[in-house]
Amino acid sequence: MYIEFQIPKHTGVAAQHALWEIKKEIELWSQRYGIPYTQKTIKWTHRLGFNREEHFSLFGMTWQAGREDYPSWLNYQIVDISNERY
């Protein structure tokens, strides 16, 4: 399971800024709740992972994206890899 953020498909500074903002918000969230995480960026997606399943629930309940003042790239989806085919 992981959390996926979509990076806007712009080149240069716009995409870099979006990724920087995603990482900054994740770090602030992690510090607020004391939860370690892993992350990686693949093409136009940024993935966030936790070691414990309950952290995904906490993230879903406490992530502040979706507020009017948040940009759309701070919206996320939780991906369950057991549902994916390889």
PDB file of N, CA and C in Angstrom:
ATOM      1  N   MET A   1       0.851  -1.164   0.000  1.00  0.00           N
ATOM      2  CA  MET A   1       0.000   0.000   0.000  1.00  0.00           C
ATOM      3  C   MET A   1       0.902   1.233   0.000  1.00  0.00           C
ATOM      4  N   TYR A   2       0.481   2.264  -0.710  1.00  0.00           N
ATOM      5  CA  TYR A   2       1.194   3.529  -0.690  1.00  0.00           C
ATOM      6  C   TYR A   2       0.238   4.654  -1.027  1.00  0.00           C
ATOM      7  N   ILE A   3       0.664   5.869  -0.751  1.00  0.00           N
ATOM      8  CA  ILE A   3      -0.104   7.060  -1.074  1.00  0.00           C
ATOM      9  C   ILE A   3       0.556   7.699  -2.280  1.00  0.00           C
ATOM     10  N   GLU A   4      -0.255   8.107  -3.238  1.00  0.00           N
ATOM     11  CA  GLU A   4       0.276   8.634  -4.490  1.00  0.00           C
ATOM     12  C   GLU A   4      -0.231  10.055  -4.729  1.00  0.00           C
ATOM     13  N   PHE A   5       0.704  10.935  -5.031  1.00  0.00           N
ATOM     14  CA  PHE A   5       0.412  12.311  -5.412  1.00  0.00           C
ATOM     15  C   PHE A   5       0.756  12.465  -6.891  1.00  0.00           C
ATOM     16  N   GLN A   6      -0.080  13.151  -7.638  1.00  0.00           N
ATOM     17  CA  GLN A   6       0.183  13.416  -9.051  1.00  0.00           C
ATOM     18  C   GLN A   6       0.887  14.765  -9.178  1.00  0.00           C
ATOM     19  N   ILE A   7       2.052  14.746  -9.805  1.00  0.00           N
ATOM     20  CA  ILE A   7       2.794  15.976 -10.062  1.00  0.00           C
ATOM     21  C   ILE A   7       2.275  16.554 -11.370  1.00  0.00           C
ATOM     22  N   PRO A   8       1.994  17.869 -11.419  1.00  0.00           N
ATOM     23  CA  PRO A   8       1.523  18.459 -12.673  1.00  0.00           C
ATOM     24  C   PRO A   8       2.529  18.212 -13.792  1.00  0.00           C
ATOM     25  N   LYS A   9       2.039  17.865 -14.956  1.00  0.00           N
ATOM     26  CA  LYS A   9       2.920  17.532 -16.076  1.00  0.00           C
ATOM     27  C   LYS A   9       3.381  18.792 -16.798  1.00  0.00           C
ATOM     28  N   HIS A  10       4.120  19.593 -16.050  1.00  0.00           N
ATOM     29  CA  HIS A  10       4.756  20.787 -16.599  1.00  0.00           C
ATOM     30  C   HIS A  10       6.256  20.539 -16.584  1.00  0.00           C
ATOM     31  N   THR A  11       6.946  21.233 -17.397  1.00  0.00           N
ATOM     32  CA  THR A  11       8.401  21.091 -17.371  1.00  0.00           C
ATOM     33  C   THR A  11       9.004  22.180 -16.502  1.00  0.00           C
ATOM     34  N   GLY A  12      10.194  21.933 -16.061  1.00  0.00           N
ATOM     35  CA  GLY A  12      10.971  22.941 -15.357  1.00  0.00           C
ATOM     36  C   GLY A  12      10.460  23.306 -13.987  1.00  0.00           C
ATOM     37  N   VAL A  13      10.400  24.603 -13.754  1.00  0.00           N
ATOM     38  CA  VAL A  13      10.174  25.145 -12.424  1.00  0.00           C
ATOM     39  C   VAL A  13       8.803  24.779 -11.849  1.00  0.00           C
ATOM     40  N   ALA A  14       7.770  24.751 -12.654  1.00  0.00           N
ATOM     41  CA  ALA A  14       6.425  24.464 -12.136  1.00  0.00           C
ATOM     42  C   ALA A  14       6.348  23.064 -11.523  1.00  0.00           C
ATOM     43  N   ALA A  15       6.865  22.063 -12.209  1.00  0.00           N
ATOM     44  CA  ALA A  15       6.846  20.692 -11.685  1.00  0.00           C
ATOM     45  C   ALA A  15       7.768  20.563 -10.471  1.00  0.00           C
ATOM     46  N   GLN A  16       8.922  21.202 -10.525  1.00  0.00           N
ATOM     47  CA  GLN A  16       9.843  21.151  -9.390  1.00  0.00           C
ATOM     48  C   GLN A  16       9.231  21.797  -8.157  1.00  0.00           C
ATOM     49  N   HIS A  17       8.529  22.906  -8.364  1.00  0.00           N
ATOM     50  CA  HIS A  17       7.884  23.582  -7.235  1.00  0.00           C
ATOM     51  C   HIS A  17       6.789  22.699  -6.634  1.00  0.00           C
ATOM     52  N   ALA A  18       5.995  22.074  -7.476  1.00  0.00           N
ATOM     53  CA  ALA A  18       4.928  21.190  -6.989  1.00  0.00           C
ATOM     54  C   ALA A  18       5.519  20.045  -6.170  1.00  0.00           C
ATOM     55  N   LEU A  19       6.573  19.402  -6.671  1.00  0.00           N
ATOM     56  CA  LEU A  19       7.209  18.308  -5.940  1.00  0.00           C
ATOM     57  C   LEU A  19       7.795  18.803  -4.627  1.00  0.00           C
ATOM     58  N   TRP A  20       8.429  19.960  -4.643  1.00  0.00           N
ATOM     59  CA  TRP A  20       8.986  20.536  -3.415  1.00  0.00           C
ATOM     60  C   TRP A  20       7.874  20.774  -2.398  1.00  0.00           C
ATOM     61  N   GLU A  21       6.741  21.295  -2.851  1.00  0.00           N
ATOM     62  CA  GLU A  21       5.639  21.574  -1.934  1.00  0.00           C
ATOM     63  C   GLU A  21       5.035  20.287  -1.369  1.00  0.00           C
ATOM     64  N   ILE A  22       4.908  19.259  -2.195  1.00  0.00           N
ATOM     65  CA  ILE A  22       4.415  17.964  -1.715  1.00  0.00           C
ATOM     66  C   ILE A  22       5.338  17.441  -0.616  1.00  0.00           C
ATOM     67  N   LYS A  23       6.639  17.432  -0.880  1.00  0.00           N
ATOM     68  CA  LYS A  23       7.600  16.920   0.100  1.00  0.00           C
ATOM     69  C   LYS A  23       7.591  17.745   1.384  1.00  0.00           C
ATOM     70  N   LYS A  24       7.467  19.056   1.259  1.00  0.00           N
ATOM     71  CA  LYS A  24       7.438  19.933   2.430  1.00  0.00           C
ATOM     72  C   LYS A  24       6.212  19.623   3.292  1.00  0.00           C
ATOM     73  N   GLU A  25       5.052  19.476   2.681  1.00  0.00           N
ATOM     74  CA  GLU A  25       3.829  19.185   3.433  1.00  0.00           C
ATOM     75  C   GLU A  25       3.884  17.807   4.084  1.00  0.00           C
ATOM     76  N   ILE A  26       4.467  16.831   3.392  1.00  0.00           N
ATOM     77  CA  ILE A  26       4.627  15.496   3.979  1.00  0.00           C
ATOM     78  C   ILE A  26       5.527  15.574   5.208  1.00  0.00           C
ATOM     79  N   GLU A  27       6.623  16.298   5.102  1.00  0.00           N
ATOM     80  CA  GLU A  27       7.545  16.429   6.231  1.00  0.00           C
ATOM     81  C   GLU A  27       6.867  17.100   7.423  1.00  0.00           C
ATOM     82  N   LEU A  28       6.100  18.156   7.175  1.00  0.00           N
ATOM     83  CA  LEU A  28       5.377  18.828   8.259  1.00  0.00           C
ATOM     84  C   LEU A  28       4.375  17.884   8.911  1.00  0.00           C
ATOM     85  N   TRP A  29       3.662  17.121   8.097  1.00  0.00           N
ATOM     86  CA  TRP A  29       2.688  16.161   8.625  1.00  0.00           C
ATOM     87  C   TRP A  29       3.406  15.105   9.472  1.00  0.00           C
ATOM     88  N   SER A  30       4.514  14.584   8.964  1.00  0.00           N
ATOM     89  CA  SER A  30       5.272  13.552   9.669  1.00  0.00           C
ATOM     90  C   SER A  30       5.770  14.054  11.029  1.00  0.00           C
ATOM     91  N   GLN A  31       6.270  15.267  11.063  1.00  0.00           N
ATOM     92  CA  GLN A  31       6.744  15.847  12.315  1.00  0.00           C
ATOM     93  C   GLN A  31       5.598  16.064  13.297  1.00  0.00           C
ATOM     94  N   ARG A  32       4.441  16.497  12.797  1.00  0.00           N
ATOM     95  CA  ARG A  32       3.286  16.760  13.656  1.00  0.00           C
ATOM     96  C   ARG A  32       2.822  15.490  14.361  1.00  0.00           C
ATOM     97  N   TYR A  33       2.833  14.361  13.652  1.00  0.00           N
ATOM     98  CA  TYR A  33       2.307  13.114  14.226  1.00  0.00           C
ATOM     99  C   TYR A  33       3.393  12.113  14.628  1.00  0.00           C
ATOM    100  N   GLY A  34       4.662  12.444  14.371  1.00  0.00           N
ATOM    101  CA  GLY A  34       5.763  11.576  14.780  1.00  0.00           C
ATOM    102  C   GLY A  34       5.787  10.244  14.060  1.00  0.00           C
ATOM    103  N   ILE A  35       5.445  10.249  12.773  1.00  0.00           N
ATOM    104  CA  ILE A  35       5.367   9.011  12.003  1.00  0.00           C
ATOM    105  C   ILE A  35       6.453   8.995  10.929  1.00  0.00           C
ATOM    106  N   PRO A  36       7.324   7.978  10.952  1.00  0.00           N
ATOM    107  CA  PRO A  36       8.346   7.868   9.905  1.00  0.00           C
ATOM    108  C   PRO A  36       7.712   7.416   8.588  1.00  0.00           C
ATOM    109  N   TYR A  37       8.391   7.727   7.499  1.00  0.00           N
ATOM    110  CA  TYR A  37       7.857   7.400   6.181  1.00  0.00           C
ATOM    111  C   TYR A  37       8.986   7.187   5.191  1.00  0.00           C
ATOM    112  N   THR A  38       8.642   6.626   4.058  1.00  0.00           N
ATOM    113  CA  THR A  38       9.559   6.548   2.926  1.00  0.00           C
ATOM    114  C   THR A  38       8.859   7.216   1.751  1.00  0.00           C
ATOM    115  N   GLN A  39       9.640   7.686   0.802  1.00  0.00           N
ATOM    116  CA  GLN A  39       9.052   8.337  -0.355  1.00  0.00           C
ATOM    117  C   GLN A  39       9.956   8.171  -1.559  1.00  0.00           C
ATOM    118  N   LYS A  40       9.334   8.209  -2.729  1.00  0.00           N
ATOM    119  CA  LYS A  40      10.114   8.193  -3.961  1.00  0.00           C
ATOM    120  C   LYS A  40       9.254   8.794  -5.067  1.00  0.00           C
ATOM    121  N   THR A  41       9.931   9.344  -6.049  1.00  0.00           N
ATOM    122  CA  THR A  41       9.259   9.957  -7.183  1.00  0.00           C
ATOM    123  C   THR A  41       9.543   9.119  -8.415  1.00  0.00           C
ATOM    124  N   ILE A  42       8.471   8.760  -9.126  1.00  0.00           N
ATOM    125  CA  ILE A  42       8.581   7.994 -10.361  1.00  0.00           C
ATOM    126  C   ILE A  42       7.797   8.740 -11.421  1.00  0.00           C
ATOM    127  N   LYS A  43       8.506   9.230 -12.421  1.00  0.00           N
ATOM    128  CA  LYS A  43       7.904  10.017 -13.493  1.00  0.00           C
ATOM    129  C   LYS A  43       7.066  11.145 -12.910  1.00  0.00           C
ATOM    130  N   TRP A  44       5.775  11.146 -13.123  1.00  0.00           N
ATOM    131  CA  TRP A  44       4.918  12.251 -12.687  1.00  0.00           C
ATOM    132  C   TRP A  44       4.118  11.911 -11.434  1.00  0.00           C
ATOM    133  N   THR A  45       4.611  10.952 -10.635  1.00  0.00           N
ATOM    134  CA  THR A  45       3.952  10.618  -9.380  1.00  0.00           C
ATOM    135  C   THR A  45       4.964  10.603  -8.243  1.00  0.00           C
ATOM    136  N   HIS A  46       4.494  10.977  -7.087  1.00  0.00           N
ATOM    137  CA  HIS A  46       5.314  10.918  -5.874  1.00  0.00           C
ATOM    138  C   HIS A  46       4.620   9.945  -4.934  1.00  0.00           C
ATOM    139  N   ARG A  47       5.360   8.942  -4.462  1.00  0.00           N
ATOM    140  CA  ARG A  47       4.798   7.892  -3.610  1.00  0.00           C
ATOM    141  C   ARG A  47       5.281   8.040  -2.182  1.00  0.00           C
ATOM    142  N   LEU A  48       4.359   7.828  -1.271  1.00  0.00           N
ATOM    143  CA  LEU A  48       4.619   7.924   0.155  1.00  0.00           C
ATOM    144  C   LEU A  48       4.230   6.601   0.789  1.00  0.00           C
ATOM    145  N   GLY A  49       5.109   6.062   1.617  1.00  0.00           N
ATOM    146  CA  GLY A  49       4.828   4.784   2.264  1.00  0.00           C
ATOM    147  C   GLY A  49       5.050   4.841   3.764  1.00  0.00           C
ATOM    148  N   PHE A  50       4.343   3.967   4.466  1.00  0.00           N
ATOM    149  CA  PHE A  50       4.489   3.816   5.911  1.00  0.00           C
ATOM    150  C   PHE A  50       4.707   2.344   6.223  1.00  0.00           C
ATOM    151  N   ASN A  51       5.299   2.060   7.369  1.00  0.00           N
ATOM    152  CA  ASN A  51       5.536   0.682   7.782  1.00  0.00           C
ATOM    153  C   ASN A  51       4.321   0.029   8.419  1.00  0.00           C
ATOM    154  N   ARG A  52       3.380   0.832   8.902  1.00  0.00           N
ATOM    155  CA  ARG A  52       2.218   0.285   9.608  1.00  0.00           C
ATOM    156  C   ARG A  52       0.941   0.741   8.907  1.00  0.00           C
ATOM    157  N   GLU A  53       0.006  -0.188   8.720  1.00  0.00           N
ATOM    158  CA  GLU A  53      -1.234   0.105   7.997  1.00  0.00           C
ATOM    159  C   GLU A  53      -2.068   1.192   8.659  1.00  0.00           C
ATOM    160  N   GLU A  54      -2.056   1.247   9.982  1.00  0.00           N
ATOM    161  CA  GLU A  54      -2.872   2.248  10.662  1.00  0.00           C
ATOM    162  C   GLU A  54      -2.420   3.683  10.358  1.00  0.00           C
ATOM    163  N   HIS A  55      -1.167   3.834   9.927  1.00  0.00           N
ATOM    164  CA  HIS A  55      -0.692   5.173   9.569  1.00  0.00           C
ATOM    165  C   HIS A  55      -1.374   5.685   8.302  1.00  0.00           C
ATOM    166  N   PHE A  56      -1.781   4.782   7.419  1.00  0.00           N
ATOM    167  CA  PHE A  56      -2.509   5.198   6.221  1.00  0.00           C
ATOM    168  C   PHE A  56      -3.871   5.767   6.611  1.00  0.00           C
ATOM    169  N   SER A  57      -4.519   5.146   7.585  1.00  0.00           N
ATOM    170  CA  SER A  57      -5.813   5.653   8.064  1.00  0.00           C
ATOM    171  C   SER A  57      -5.647   7.018   8.711  1.00  0.00           C
ATOM    172  N   LEU A  58      -4.618   7.150   9.545  1.00  0.00           N
ATOM    173  CA  LEU A  58      -4.363   8.436  10.191  1.00  0.00           C
ATOM    174  C   LEU A  58      -4.086   9.508   9.153  1.00  0.00           C
ATOM    175  N   PHE A  59      -3.299   9.171   8.154  1.00  0.00           N
ATOM    176  CA  PHE A  59      -3.003  10.129   7.094  1.00  0.00           C
ATOM    177  C   PHE A  59      -4.301  10.588   6.420  1.00  0.00           C
ATOM    178  N   GLY A  60      -5.146   9.645   6.078  1.00  0.00           N
ATOM    179  CA  GLY A  60      -6.404   9.973   5.423  1.00  0.00           C
ATOM    180  C   GLY A  60      -7.303  10.870   6.261  1.00  0.00           C
ATOM    181  N   MET A  61      -7.253  10.693   7.566  1.00  0.00           N
ATOM    182  CA  MET A  61      -8.105  11.488   8.445  1.00  0.00           C
ATOM    183  C   MET A  61      -7.532  12.864   8.766  1.00  0.00           C
ATOM    184  N   THR A  62      -6.211  13.022   8.633  1.00  0.00           N
ATOM    185  CA  THR A  62      -5.588  14.261   9.103  1.00  0.00           C
ATOM    186  C   THR A  62      -4.946  15.110   8.013  1.00  0.00           C
ATOM    187  N   TRP A  63      -4.782  14.587   6.815  1.00  0.00           N
ATOM    188  CA  TRP A  63      -4.156  15.355   5.734  1.00  0.00           C
ATOM    189  C   TRP A  63      -5.059  16.533   5.388  1.00  0.00           C
ATOM    190  N   GLN A  64      -4.491  17.696   5.270  1.00  0.00           N
ATOM    191  CA  GLN A  64      -5.283  18.913   5.100  1.00  0.00           C
ATOM    192  C   GLN A  64      -5.562  19.289   3.647  1.00  0.00           C
ATOM    193  N   ALA A  65      -5.110  18.510   2.685  1.00  0.00           N
ATOM    194  CA  ALA A  65      -5.372  18.830   1.282  1.00  0.00           C
ATOM    195  C   ALA A  65      -6.869  18.810   1.033  1.00  0.00           C
ATOM    196  N   GLY A  66      -7.284  19.530   0.036  1.00  0.00           N
ATOM    197  CA  GLY A  66      -8.694  19.628  -0.261  1.00  0.00           C
ATOM    198  C   GLY A  66      -9.280  20.935   0.253  1.00  0.00           C
ATOM    199  N   ARG A  67      -8.532  21.606   1.110  1.00  0.00           N
ATOM    200  CA  ARG A  67      -8.972  22.933   1.533  1.00  0.00           C
ATOM    201  C   ARG A  67      -8.913  23.851   0.322  1.00  0.00           C
ATOM    202  N   GLU A  68      -9.659  24.905   0.350  1.00  0.00           N
ATOM    203  CA  GLU A  68      -9.713  25.821  -0.783  1.00  0.00           C
ATOM    204  C   GLU A  68      -8.359  26.438  -1.113  1.00  0.00           C
ATOM    205  N   ASP A  69      -7.530  26.661  -0.105  1.00  0.00           N
ATOM    206  CA  ASP A  69      -6.241  27.309  -0.341  1.00  0.00           C
ATOM    207  C   ASP A  69      -5.127  26.334  -0.702  1.00  0.00           C
ATOM    208  N   TYR A  70      -5.425  25.043  -0.798  1.00  0.00           N
ATOM    209  CA  TYR A  70      -4.418  24.051  -1.181  1.00  0.00           C
ATOM    210  C   TYR A  70      -4.442  23.845  -2.685  1.00  0.00           C
ATOM    211  N   PRO A  71      -3.272  23.755  -3.310  1.00  0.00           N
ATOM    212  CA  PRO A  71      -3.239  23.450  -4.748  1.00  0.00           C
ATOM    213  C   PRO A  71      -3.635  21.998  -5.007  1.00  0.00           C
ATOM    214  N   SER A  72      -4.093  21.718  -6.201  1.00  0.00           N
ATOM    215  CA  SER A  72      -4.619  20.393  -6.536  1.00  0.00           C
ATOM    216  C   SER A  72      -3.576  19.285  -6.413  1.00  0.00           C
ATOM    217  N   TRP A  73      -2.303  19.583  -6.570  1.00  0.00           N
ATOM    218  CA  TRP A  73      -1.290  18.516  -6.510  1.00  0.00           C
ATOM    219  C   TRP A  73      -1.093  17.999  -5.090  1.00  0.00           C
ATOM    220  N   LEU A  74      -1.696  18.610  -4.099  1.00  0.00           N
ATOM    221  CA  LEU A  74      -1.612  18.070  -2.744  1.00  0.00           C
ATOM    222  C   LEU A  74      -2.738  17.079  -2.459  1.00  0.00           C
ATOM    223  N   ASN A  75      -3.602  16.844  -3.432  1.00  0.00           N
ATOM    224  CA  ASN A  75      -4.598  15.778  -3.312  1.00  0.00           C
ATOM    225  C   ASN A  75      -3.893  14.454  -3.566  1.00  0.00           C
ATOM    226  N   TYR A  76      -4.417  13.386  -3.046  1.00  0.00           N
ATOM    227  CA  TYR A  76      -3.736  12.092  -3.108  1.00  0.00           C
ATOM    228  C   TYR A  76      -4.741  10.980  -3.326  1.00  0.00           C
ATOM    229  N   GLN A  77      -4.220   9.804  -3.583  1.00  0.00           N
ATOM    230  CA  GLN A  77      -5.033   8.589  -3.554  1.00  0.00           C
ATOM    231  C   GLN A  77      -4.215   7.505  -2.871  1.00  0.00           C
ATOM    232  N   ILE A  78      -4.912   6.629  -2.157  1.00  0.00           N
ATOM    233  CA  ILE A  78      -4.254   5.497  -1.514  1.00  0.00           C
ATOM    234  C   ILE A  78      -4.345   4.324  -2.474  1.00  0.00           C
ATOM    235  N   VAL A  79      -3.196   3.740  -2.787  1.00  0.00           N
ATOM    236  CA  VAL A  79      -3.118   2.645  -3.747  1.00  0.00           C
ATOM    237  C   VAL A  79      -2.823   1.364  -2.981  1.00  0.00           C
ATOM    238  N   ASP A  80      -3.682   0.379  -3.165  1.00  0.00           N
ATOM    239  CA  ASP A  80      -3.481  -0.935  -2.545  1.00  0.00           C
ATOM    240  C   ASP A  80      -2.817  -1.837  -3.600  1.00  0.00           C
ATOM    241  N   ILE A  81      -1.555  -2.160  -3.409  1.00  0.00           N
ATOM    242  CA  ILE A  81      -0.821  -2.912  -4.430  1.00  0.00           C
ATOM    243  C   ILE A  81      -1.307  -4.332  -4.577  1.00  0.00           C
ATOM    244  N   SER A  82      -2.073  -4.834  -3.632  1.00  0.00           N
ATOM    245  CA  SER A  82      -2.603  -6.195  -3.806  1.00  0.00           C
ATOM    246  C   SER A  82      -3.657  -6.236  -4.908  1.00  0.00           C
ATOM    247  N   ASN A  83      -4.180  -5.076  -5.293  1.00  0.00           N
ATOM    248  CA  ASN A  83      -5.171  -5.005  -6.366  1.00  0.00           C
ATOM    249  C   ASN A  83      -4.538  -4.780  -7.737  1.00  0.00           C
ATOM    250  N   GLU A  84      -3.222  -4.558  -7.776  1.00  0.00           N
ATOM    251  CA  GLU A  84      -2.554  -4.296  -9.055  1.00  0.00           C
ATOM    252  C   GLU A  84      -2.062  -5.588  -9.680  1.00  0.00           C
ATOM    253  N   ARG A  85      -2.045  -5.616 -10.996  1.00  0.00           N
ATOM    254  CA  ARG A  85      -1.519  -6.780 -11.723  1.00  0.00           C
ATOM    255  C   ARG A  85      -0.182  -6.411 -12.348  1.00  0.00           C
ATOM    256  N   TYR A  86       0.717  -7.385 -12.357  1.00  0.00           N
ATOM    257  CA  TYR A  86       2.034  -7.168 -12.968  1.00  0.00           C
ATOM    258  C   TYR A  86       2.214  -8.134 -14.104  1.00  0.00           C
TER     259      TYR A  86
END
